[in-house]
């Protein structure tokens, strides 16, 4: 079982699966067809500066996010979480 949880870009880890559909930085025009049906796997996380975390995604690209930008991440369910956007 998995849950979507909200995670700051600075806290993403390689192997996380992220929902980028409609994301302000990765999909600002809401027009990337893969984002409609796929979670993108994080393959690289690099702190570029105090204001930017570069996240590389499998089969997509590298996107720069502010460190406090919140993303929806698919994580294994453990217990009820206050970060769960569905609760």
C-alpha atoms as a PDB file:
ATOM      1  CA  UNK A   1       0.000   0.000   0.000  1.00  0.00           C
ATOM      2  CA  UNK A   2       1.245   3.505  -0.810  1.00  0.00           C
ATOM      3  CA  UNK A   3       0.279   7.071   0.061  1.00  0.00           C
ATOM      4  CA  UNK A   4       0.887  10.442  -1.505  1.00  0.00           C
ATOM      5  CA  UNK A   5       2.731  12.610   0.995  1.00  0.00           C
ATOM      6  CA  UNK A   6       3.900  16.203   0.759  1.00  0.00           C
ATOM      7  CA  UNK A   7       7.687  16.548   0.765  1.00  0.00           C
ATOM      8  CA  UNK A   8       9.888  19.637   0.413  1.00  0.00           C
ATOM      9  CA  UNK A   9      12.174  19.440  -2.618  1.00  0.00           C
ATOM     10  CA  UNK A  10      15.201  19.644  -0.313  1.00  0.00           C
ATOM     11  CA  UNK A  11      14.023  16.429   1.381  1.00  0.00           C
ATOM     12  CA  UNK A  12      13.562  14.347  -1.779  1.00  0.00           C
ATOM     13  CA  UNK A  13      15.651  11.194  -2.059  1.00  0.00           C
ATOM     14  CA  UNK A  14      16.898   9.151  -4.996  1.00  0.00           C
ATOM     15  CA  UNK A  15      14.269   6.508  -5.662  1.00  0.00           C
ATOM     16  CA  UNK A  16      11.291   8.682  -4.679  1.00  0.00           C
ATOM     17  CA  UNK A  17       8.393   8.755  -7.139  1.00  0.00           C
ATOM     18  CA  UNK A  18       6.994  12.270  -7.633  1.00  0.00           C
ATOM     19  CA  UNK A  19       3.693  13.481  -9.084  1.00  0.00           C
ATOM     20  CA  UNK A  20       4.736  16.411 -11.305  1.00  0.00           C
ATOM     21  CA  UNK A  21       1.398  16.954 -13.024  1.00  0.00           C
ATOM     22  CA  UNK A  22       0.693  20.702 -12.975  1.00  0.00           C
ATOM     23  CA  UNK A  23       3.758  21.468 -10.851  1.00  0.00           C
ATOM     24  CA  UNK A  24       4.683  25.162 -10.936  1.00  0.00           C
ATOM     25  CA  UNK A  25       8.288  24.450 -11.993  1.00  0.00           C
ATOM     26  CA  UNK A  26       8.190  21.103 -13.830  1.00  0.00           C
ATOM     27  CA  UNK A  27       4.848  21.471 -15.640  1.00  0.00           C
ATOM     28  CA  UNK A  28       3.864  25.162 -15.506  1.00  0.00           C
ATOM     29  CA  UNK A  29       1.603  24.921 -18.571  1.00  0.00           C
ATOM     30  CA  UNK A  30      -0.048  21.669 -17.425  1.00  0.00           C
ATOM     31  CA  UNK A  31       0.767  20.149 -20.808  1.00  0.00           C
ATOM     32  CA  UNK A  32       3.321  17.364 -20.289  1.00  0.00           C
ATOM     33  CA  UNK A  33       1.477  14.195 -21.373  1.00  0.00           C
ATOM     34  CA  UNK A  34       3.547  11.759 -19.291  1.00  0.00           C
ATOM     35  CA  UNK A  35       2.666  13.575 -16.081  1.00  0.00           C
ATOM     36  CA  UNK A  36      -1.019  12.687 -16.572  1.00  0.00           C
ATOM     37  CA  UNK A  37      -0.381   9.018 -15.857  1.00  0.00           C
ATOM     38  CA  UNK A  38       3.153   8.535 -14.502  1.00  0.00           C
ATOM     39  CA  UNK A  39       5.072   9.279 -11.344  1.00  0.00           C
ATOM     40  CA  UNK A  40       8.596  10.421 -12.160  1.00  0.00           C
ATOM     41  CA  UNK A  41      11.459   8.661 -10.375  1.00  0.00           C
ATOM     42  CA  UNK A  42      14.104  10.832  -8.722  1.00  0.00           C
ATOM     43  CA  UNK A  43      17.580   9.821  -9.943  1.00  0.00           C
ATOM     44  CA  UNK A  44      19.596  12.803  -8.691  1.00  0.00           C
ATOM     45  CA  UNK A  45      19.337  15.415  -5.948  1.00  0.00           C
ATOM     46  CA  UNK A  46      21.874  18.233  -5.804  1.00  0.00           C
ATOM     47  CA  UNK A  47      21.825  21.413  -3.755  1.00  0.00           C
ATOM     48  CA  UNK A  48      22.852  24.006  -6.357  1.00  0.00           C
ATOM     49  CA  UNK A  49      22.647  26.995  -4.013  1.00  0.00           C
ATOM     50  CA  UNK A  50      20.759  28.226  -0.954  1.00  0.00           C
ATOM     51  CA  UNK A  51      17.863  29.037  -3.281  1.00  0.00           C
ATOM     52  CA  UNK A  52      17.871  26.007  -5.603  1.00  0.00           C
ATOM     53  CA  UNK A  53      17.722  22.219  -5.383  1.00  0.00           C
ATOM     54  CA  UNK A  54      18.287  20.492  -8.726  1.00  0.00           C
ATOM     55  CA  UNK A  55      16.264  17.289  -9.048  1.00  0.00           C
ATOM     56  CA  UNK A  56      16.952  14.856 -11.886  1.00  0.00           C
ATOM     57  CA  UNK A  57      14.119  12.611 -13.021  1.00  0.00           C
ATOM     58  CA  UNK A  58      14.350   9.316 -14.931  1.00  0.00           C
ATOM     59  CA  UNK A  59      13.297   9.816 -18.542  1.00  0.00           C
ATOM     60  CA  UNK A  60      12.619  13.518 -18.104  1.00  0.00           C
ATOM     61  CA  UNK A  61      15.087  16.233 -17.178  1.00  0.00           C
ATOM     62  CA  UNK A  62      16.633  18.111 -14.300  1.00  0.00           C
ATOM     63  CA  UNK A  63      14.373  20.721 -12.700  1.00  0.00           C
ATOM     64  CA  UNK A  64      15.442  23.460 -10.287  1.00  0.00           C
ATOM     65  CA  UNK A  65      13.127  23.927  -7.292  1.00  0.00           C
ATOM     66  CA  UNK A  66      13.256  26.302  -4.335  1.00  0.00           C
ATOM     67  CA  UNK A  67      14.249  24.189  -1.311  1.00  0.00           C
ATOM     68  CA  UNK A  68      10.884  24.722   0.398  1.00  0.00           C
ATOM     69  CA  UNK A  69       8.802  23.879  -2.693  1.00  0.00           C
ATOM     70  CA  UNK A  70       6.415  21.058  -1.751  1.00  0.00           C
ATOM     71  CA  UNK A  71       5.901  18.087  -4.064  1.00  0.00           C
ATOM     72  CA  UNK A  72       3.555  15.102  -3.940  1.00  0.00           C
ATOM     73  CA  UNK A  73       5.590  11.938  -3.399  1.00  0.00           C
ATOM     74  CA  UNK A  74       4.415   8.333  -3.508  1.00  0.00           C
ATOM     75  CA  UNK A  75       5.666   6.602  -0.372  1.00  0.00           C
ATOM     76  CA  UNK A  76       4.973   3.215   1.192  1.00  0.00           C
ATOM     77  CA  UNK A  77       2.154   3.442   3.716  1.00  0.00           C
ATOM     78  CA  UNK A  78       3.342   3.079   7.288  1.00  0.00           C
ATOM     79  CA  UNK A  79       0.765   4.812   9.445  1.00  0.00           C
ATOM     80  CA  UNK A  80      -1.531   7.809   9.268  1.00  0.00           C
ATOM     81  CA  UNK A  81       0.533  10.869   8.510  1.00  0.00           C
ATOM     82  CA  UNK A  82      -0.222  14.545   8.955  1.00  0.00           C
ATOM     83  CA  UNK A  83       1.562  15.063   5.616  1.00  0.00           C
ATOM     84  CA  UNK A  84      -1.008  12.945   3.771  1.00  0.00           C
ATOM     85  CA  UNK A  85      -2.828  15.341   1.371  1.00  0.00           C
ATOM     86  CA  UNK A  86      -5.825  12.982   1.212  1.00  0.00           C
ATOM     87  CA  UNK A  87      -6.627  13.211   4.933  1.00  0.00           C
END
